[in-house]
Amino acid sequence: MKRTLLGIFALLLAAFLGIRFFSGPPKGGNKGGALSPKVLPKGDSGTKGKDLSLKAPKQKAAPASSLSSKEKTNNAGGIPIFHKVDRPEKFLKLPDGTFVAPLNGVKEPAPFVWPMTIPFAPIVGKELDDHGRWWYIHKDGSRSTTYMAFHPQTGKLDARTDIANPTRSLPVGGGDSAKK
């Protein structure tokens, strides 16, 4: 009897977690504050969710004293990039020493570890993939994202930062290997 109840409880918990964490962004708009992106509807022009406007979200006017502590610039894609931030643990620190807001509702992102063998490329845009996850697009075609993922050993959600760099395809097998 205990095993049956435990099995039912585990099934209900798994269903709840699946619906809650893997069903995509909430439908109620941007309630996560300035650090969570506003989900834009996918366009009909075959852009597969690309955010073509790339405008920085409107924020309340800050007092003059706080503007001097944060130097904000926008790169070519309109992504807000900060040179100084009051709370660095709340932002993604890039290899060039600048900061950007984490994506996908992450409050405290994992470190951004760019490969040492590839020169860092600045962020030029943002894109929504087919699974509802936002990615920063870099000048060299690389992509980077932050998200929350379930860690099976701790039983908790952990912040993750992924970087995908483009590579050249390598030939598989030799000319003689296909004939044998």
C-alpha atoms as a PDB file:
ATOM      1  CA  MET A   1       0.000   0.000   0.000  1.00  0.00           C
ATOM      2  CA  LYS A   2       2.849   2.396   0.882  1.00  0.00           C
ATOM      3  CA  ARG A   3       4.613   1.634  -2.415  1.00  0.00           C
ATOM      4  CA  THR A   4       1.428   2.392  -4.367  1.00  0.00           C
ATOM      5  CA  LEU A   5       0.931   5.742  -2.624  1.00  0.00           C
ATOM      6  CA  LEU A   6       4.581   6.590  -3.091  1.00  0.00           C
ATOM      7  CA  GLY A   7       4.348   5.719  -6.791  1.00  0.00           C
ATOM      8  CA  ILE A   8       1.239   7.880  -7.244  1.00  0.00           C
ATOM      9  CA  PHE A   9       2.907  10.769  -5.411  1.00  0.00           C
ATOM     10  CA  ALA A  10       6.037  10.469  -7.572  1.00  0.00           C
ATOM     11  CA  LEU A  11       3.924  10.412 -10.756  1.00  0.00           C
ATOM     12  CA  LEU A  12       1.974  13.518  -9.704  1.00  0.00           C
ATOM     13  CA  LEU A  13       5.180  15.336  -8.760  1.00  0.00           C
ATOM     14  CA  ALA A  14       6.792  14.470 -12.099  1.00  0.00           C
ATOM     15  CA  ALA A  15       3.697  15.659 -13.987  1.00  0.00           C
ATOM     16  CA  PHE A  16       3.634  18.937 -12.038  1.00  0.00           C
ATOM     17  CA  LEU A  17       7.338  19.581 -12.660  1.00  0.00           C
ATOM     18  CA  GLY A  18       6.956  18.741 -16.337  1.00  0.00           C
ATOM     19  CA  ILE A  19       4.076  21.170 -16.764  1.00  0.00           C
ATOM     20  CA  ARG A  20       5.606  23.894 -14.614  1.00  0.00           C
ATOM     21  CA  PHE A  21       9.163  23.948 -15.941  1.00  0.00           C
ATOM     22  CA  PHE A  22       8.966  22.598 -19.478  1.00  0.00           C
ATOM     23  CA  SER A  23       5.777  24.140 -20.853  1.00  0.00           C
ATOM     24  CA  GLY A  24       7.445  27.397 -21.926  1.00  0.00           C
ATOM     25  CA  PRO A  25       7.139  30.969 -20.729  1.00  0.00           C
ATOM     26  CA  PRO A  26       4.072  32.126 -18.747  1.00  0.00           C
ATOM     27  CA  LYS A  27       1.194  33.603 -20.718  1.00  0.00           C
ATOM     28  CA  GLY A  28       0.619  36.563 -18.348  1.00  0.00           C
ATOM     29  CA  GLY A  29       3.271  38.842 -19.822  1.00  0.00           C
ATOM     30  CA  ASN A  30       6.548  40.016 -18.367  1.00  0.00           C
ATOM     31  CA  LYS A  31       6.095  39.888 -14.602  1.00  0.00           C
ATOM     32  CA  GLY A  32       9.672  38.918 -13.811  1.00  0.00           C
ATOM     33  CA  GLY A  33      11.062  42.446 -13.806  1.00  0.00           C
ATOM     34  CA  ALA A  34      13.792  44.041 -15.869  1.00  0.00           C
ATOM     35  CA  LEU A  35      16.002  40.940 -15.942  1.00  0.00           C
ATOM     36  CA  SER A  36      13.491  38.604 -17.605  1.00  0.00           C
ATOM     37  CA  PRO A  37      12.836  39.066 -21.319  1.00  0.00           C
ATOM     38  CA  LYS A  38       9.453  39.920 -22.733  1.00  0.00           C
ATOM     39  CA  VAL A  39       8.321  37.053 -24.938  1.00  0.00           C
ATOM     40  CA  LEU A  40       7.473  38.318 -28.385  1.00  0.00           C
ATOM     41  CA  PRO A  41       5.085  36.444 -30.697  1.00  0.00           C
ATOM     42  CA  LYS A  42       6.667  34.562 -33.569  1.00  0.00           C
ATOM     43  CA  GLY A  43       6.452  36.318 -36.913  1.00  0.00           C
ATOM     44  CA  ASP A  44       4.812  34.985 -40.061  1.00  0.00           C
ATOM     45  CA  SER A  45       7.709  35.851 -42.335  1.00  0.00           C
ATOM     46  CA  GLY A  46       9.694  32.663 -41.683  1.00  0.00           C
ATOM     47  CA  THR A  47      11.983  34.239 -39.073  1.00  0.00           C
ATOM     48  CA  LYS A  48      11.383  31.372 -36.608  1.00  0.00           C
ATOM     49  CA  GLY A  49      10.962  33.619 -33.593  1.00  0.00           C
ATOM     50  CA  LYS A  50      13.802  36.036 -34.285  1.00  0.00           C
ATOM     51  CA  ASP A  51      13.430  39.230 -32.330  1.00  0.00           C
ATOM     52  CA  LEU A  52      14.082  41.635 -35.176  1.00  0.00           C
ATOM     53  CA  SER A  53      13.308  44.817 -33.243  1.00  0.00           C
ATOM     54  CA  LEU A  54      15.973  44.224 -30.552  1.00  0.00           C
ATOM     55  CA  LYS A  55      14.966  47.338 -28.650  1.00  0.00           C
ATOM     56  CA  ALA A  56      15.928  47.614 -25.007  1.00  0.00           C
ATOM     57  CA  PRO A  57      12.942  47.321 -22.649  1.00  0.00           C
ATOM     58  CA  LYS A  58      11.549  50.598 -21.376  1.00  0.00           C
ATOM     59  CA  GLN A  59      12.638  51.252 -17.837  1.00  0.00           C
ATOM     60  CA  LYS A  60      11.727  53.896 -15.287  1.00  0.00           C
ATOM     61  CA  ALA A  61      13.957  56.927 -15.277  1.00  0.00           C
ATOM     62  CA  ALA A  62      16.714  56.399 -12.758  1.00  0.00           C
ATOM     63  CA  PRO A  63      18.026  59.116 -10.475  1.00  0.00           C
ATOM     64  CA  ALA A  64      21.158  60.862 -11.709  1.00  0.00           C
ATOM     65  CA  SER A  65      23.236  59.334  -8.894  1.00  0.00           C
ATOM     66  CA  SER A  66      22.550  55.761 -10.068  1.00  0.00           C
ATOM     67  CA  LEU A  67      23.294  56.576 -13.706  1.00  0.00           C
ATOM     68  CA  SER A  68      26.843  57.520 -12.804  1.00  0.00           C
ATOM     69  CA  SER A  69      27.423  54.066 -11.232  1.00  0.00           C
ATOM     70  CA  LYS A  70      26.260  52.231 -14.375  1.00  0.00           C
ATOM     71  CA  GLU A  71      27.633  53.046 -17.787  1.00  0.00           C
ATOM     72  CA  LYS A  72      25.108  51.651 -20.264  1.00  0.00           C
ATOM     73  CA  THR A  73      25.738  51.208 -23.964  1.00  0.00           C
ATOM     74  CA  ASN A  74      23.789  49.449 -26.667  1.00  0.00           C
ATOM     75  CA  ASN A  75      25.622  47.424 -29.263  1.00  0.00           C
ATOM     76  CA  ALA A  76      24.530  47.111 -32.890  1.00  0.00           C
ATOM     77  CA  GLY A  77      21.641  44.810 -31.946  1.00  0.00           C
ATOM     78  CA  GLY A  78      20.204  47.151 -29.314  1.00  0.00           C
ATOM     79  CA  ILE A  79      21.025  44.762 -26.457  1.00  0.00           C
ATOM     80  CA  PRO A  80      21.717  46.688 -23.223  1.00  0.00           C
ATOM     81  CA  ILE A  81      25.357  46.173 -22.268  1.00  0.00           C
ATOM     82  CA  PHE A  82      26.682  47.526 -18.980  1.00  0.00           C
ATOM     83  CA  HIS A  83      30.282  48.424 -18.147  1.00  0.00           C
ATOM     84  CA  LYS A  84      29.575  48.632 -14.394  1.00  0.00           C
ATOM     85  CA  VAL A  85      26.714  47.155 -12.365  1.00  0.00           C
ATOM     86  CA  ASP A  86      25.758  47.499  -8.719  1.00  0.00           C
ATOM     87  CA  ARG A  87      25.162  43.756  -8.230  1.00  0.00           C
ATOM     88  CA  PRO A  88      27.395  41.755 -10.606  1.00  0.00           C
ATOM     89  CA  GLU A  89      26.004  38.407  -9.411  1.00  0.00           C
ATOM     90  CA  LYS A  90      22.670  39.324 -11.032  1.00  0.00           C
ATOM     91  CA  PHE A  91      24.240  39.806 -14.488  1.00  0.00           C
ATOM     92  CA  LEU A  92      26.214  37.743 -16.964  1.00  0.00           C
ATOM     93  CA  LYS A  93      29.843  38.911 -17.037  1.00  0.00           C
ATOM     94  CA  LEU A  94      31.288  38.653 -20.535  1.00  0.00           C
ATOM     95  CA  PRO A  95      35.001  38.020 -21.280  1.00  0.00           C
ATOM     96  CA  ASP A  96      35.491  41.644 -22.416  1.00  0.00           C
ATOM     97  CA  GLY A  97      34.538  42.885 -18.920  1.00  0.00           C
ATOM     98  CA  THR A  98      31.005  44.042 -19.807  1.00  0.00           C
ATOM     99  CA  PHE A  99      27.730  42.736 -18.382  1.00  0.00           C
ATOM    100  CA  VAL A 100      24.379  41.719 -19.918  1.00  0.00           C
ATOM    101  CA  ALA A 101      21.118  40.622 -18.344  1.00  0.00           C
ATOM    102  CA  PRO A 102      20.647  36.849 -18.088  1.00  0.00           C
ATOM    103  CA  LEU A 103      17.974  35.268 -20.273  1.00  0.00           C
ATOM    104  CA  ASN A 104      14.957  33.024 -19.622  1.00  0.00           C
ATOM    105  CA  GLY A 105      14.109  34.314 -16.149  1.00  0.00           C
ATOM    106  CA  VAL A 106      17.429  33.422 -14.505  1.00  0.00           C
ATOM    107  CA  LYS A 107      18.056  35.568 -11.407  1.00  0.00           C
ATOM    108  CA  GLU A 108      21.714  34.676 -10.678  1.00  0.00           C
ATOM    109  CA  PRO A 109      23.426  33.144 -13.727  1.00  0.00           C
ATOM    110  CA  ALA A 110      26.213  30.593 -13.804  1.00  0.00           C
ATOM    111  CA  PRO A 111      29.591  31.921 -15.025  1.00  0.00           C
ATOM    112  CA  PHE A 112      30.024  32.678 -18.720  1.00  0.00           C
ATOM    113  CA  VAL A 113      32.974  30.528 -19.841  1.00  0.00           C
ATOM    114  CA  TRP A 114      33.974  31.361 -23.419  1.00  0.00           C
ATOM    115  CA  PRO A 115      36.501  28.924 -24.987  1.00  0.00           C
ATOM    116  CA  MET A 116      40.062  30.254 -24.716  1.00  0.00           C
ATOM    117  CA  THR A 117      40.902  29.050 -28.234  1.00  0.00           C
ATOM    118  CA  ILE A 118      38.228  31.225 -29.868  1.00  0.00           C
ATOM    119  CA  PRO A 119      38.370  35.048 -29.791  1.00  0.00           C
ATOM    120  CA  PHE A 120      35.347  36.528 -27.986  1.00  0.00           C
ATOM    121  CA  ALA A 121      32.710  37.891 -30.365  1.00  0.00           C
ATOM    122  CA  PRO A 122      30.352  40.638 -29.142  1.00  0.00           C
ATOM    123  CA  ILE A 123      26.603  40.122 -28.919  1.00  0.00           C
ATOM    124  CA  VAL A 124      24.721  41.448 -31.953  1.00  0.00           C
ATOM    125  CA  GLY A 125      21.183  40.153 -31.410  1.00  0.00           C
ATOM    126  CA  LYS A 126      18.771  37.871 -29.637  1.00  0.00           C
ATOM    127  CA  GLU A 127      16.707  34.921 -30.917  1.00  0.00           C
ATOM    128  CA  LEU A 128      13.915  32.687 -29.611  1.00  0.00           C
ATOM    129  CA  ASP A 129      14.404  29.023 -30.517  1.00  0.00           C
ATOM    130  CA  ASP A 130      11.725  26.445 -31.320  1.00  0.00           C
ATOM    131  CA  HIS A 131      11.643  25.308 -27.666  1.00  0.00           C
ATOM    132  CA  GLY A 132      10.888  28.771 -26.275  1.00  0.00           C
ATOM    133  CA  ARG A 133      14.409  29.535 -25.037  1.00  0.00           C
ATOM    134  CA  TRP A 134      16.082  32.900 -25.705  1.00  0.00           C
ATOM    135  CA  TRP A 135      19.654  32.948 -27.041  1.00  0.00           C
ATOM    136  CA  TYR A 136      22.127  35.790 -27.515  1.00  0.00           C
ATOM    137  CA  ILE A 137      23.600  35.765 -31.045  1.00  0.00           C
ATOM    138  CA  HIS A 138      27.276  36.731 -31.305  1.00  0.00           C
ATOM    139  CA  LYS A 139      29.064  38.385 -34.232  1.00  0.00           C
ATOM    140  CA  ASP A 140      30.852  35.160 -35.267  1.00  0.00           C
ATOM    141  CA  GLY A 141      27.643  33.090 -35.276  1.00  0.00           C
ATOM    142  CA  SER A 142      28.096  31.722 -31.751  1.00  0.00           C
ATOM    143  CA  ARG A 143      25.109  31.555 -29.419  1.00  0.00           C
ATOM    144  CA  SER A 144      24.861  31.818 -25.653  1.00  0.00           C
ATOM    145  CA  THR A 145      21.986  31.404 -23.218  1.00  0.00           C
ATOM    146  CA  THR A 146      21.110  31.101 -19.558  1.00  0.00           C
ATOM    147  CA  TYR A 147      18.339  28.913 -18.167  1.00  0.00           C
ATOM    148  CA  MET A 148      17.273  26.939 -15.111  1.00  0.00           C
ATOM    149  CA  ALA A 149      17.699  23.144 -15.234  1.00  0.00           C
ATOM    150  CA  PHE A 150      16.819  20.396 -12.767  1.00  0.00           C
ATOM    151  CA  HIS A 151      19.894  18.852 -11.135  1.00  0.00           C
ATOM    152  CA  PRO A 152      19.125  15.212 -10.268  1.00  0.00           C
ATOM    153  CA  GLN A 153      21.762  14.898  -7.525  1.00  0.00           C
ATOM    154  CA  THR A 154      20.664  17.940  -5.545  1.00  0.00           C
ATOM    155  CA  GLY A 155      16.983  17.759  -6.467  1.00  0.00           C
ATOM    156  CA  LYS A 156      16.976  21.506  -7.169  1.00  0.00           C
ATOM    157  CA  LEU A 157      16.895  23.819 -10.150  1.00  0.00           C
ATOM    158  CA  ASP A 158      20.329  25.216 -10.991  1.00  0.00           C
ATOM    159  CA  ALA A 159      21.254  28.138 -13.222  1.00  0.00           C
ATOM    160  CA  ARG A 160      23.028  27.056 -16.401  1.00  0.00           C
ATOM    161  CA  THR A 161      24.947  29.042 -19.000  1.00  0.00           C
ATOM    162  CA  ASP A 162      25.474  27.387 -22.384  1.00  0.00           C
ATOM    163  CA  ILE A 163      27.688  28.588 -25.230  1.00  0.00           C
ATOM    164  CA  ALA A 164      27.559  27.086 -28.726  1.00  0.00           C
ATOM    165  CA  ASN A 165      30.396  28.052 -31.050  1.00  0.00           C
ATOM    166  CA  PRO A 166      30.250  27.209 -34.770  1.00  0.00           C
ATOM    167  CA  THR A 167      32.866  24.798 -36.038  1.00  0.00           C
ATOM    168  CA  ARG A 168      33.904  23.487 -39.433  1.00  0.00           C
ATOM    169  CA  SER A 169      32.541  20.061 -40.278  1.00  0.00           C
ATOM    170  CA  LEU A 170      35.109  17.293 -40.424  1.00  0.00           C
ATOM    171  CA  PRO A 171      35.087  14.457 -42.964  1.00  0.00           C
ATOM    172  CA  VAL A 172      34.087  11.088 -41.568  1.00  0.00           C
ATOM    173  CA  GLY A 173      35.979   8.082 -42.878  1.00  0.00           C
ATOM    174  CA  GLY A 174      38.340   7.923 -45.818  1.00  0.00           C
ATOM    175  CA  GLY A 175      37.755   7.370 -49.510  1.00  0.00           C
ATOM    176  CA  ASP A 176      38.313   3.611 -49.148  1.00  0.00           C
ATOM    177  CA  SER A 177      36.161   3.112 -46.021  1.00  0.00           C
ATOM    178  CA  ALA A 178      32.849   3.431 -47.916  1.00  0.00           C
ATOM    179  CA  LYS A 179      33.792   0.723 -50.448  1.00  0.00           C
ATOM    180  CA  LYS A 180      34.509  -2.039 -47.910  1.00  0.00           C
END
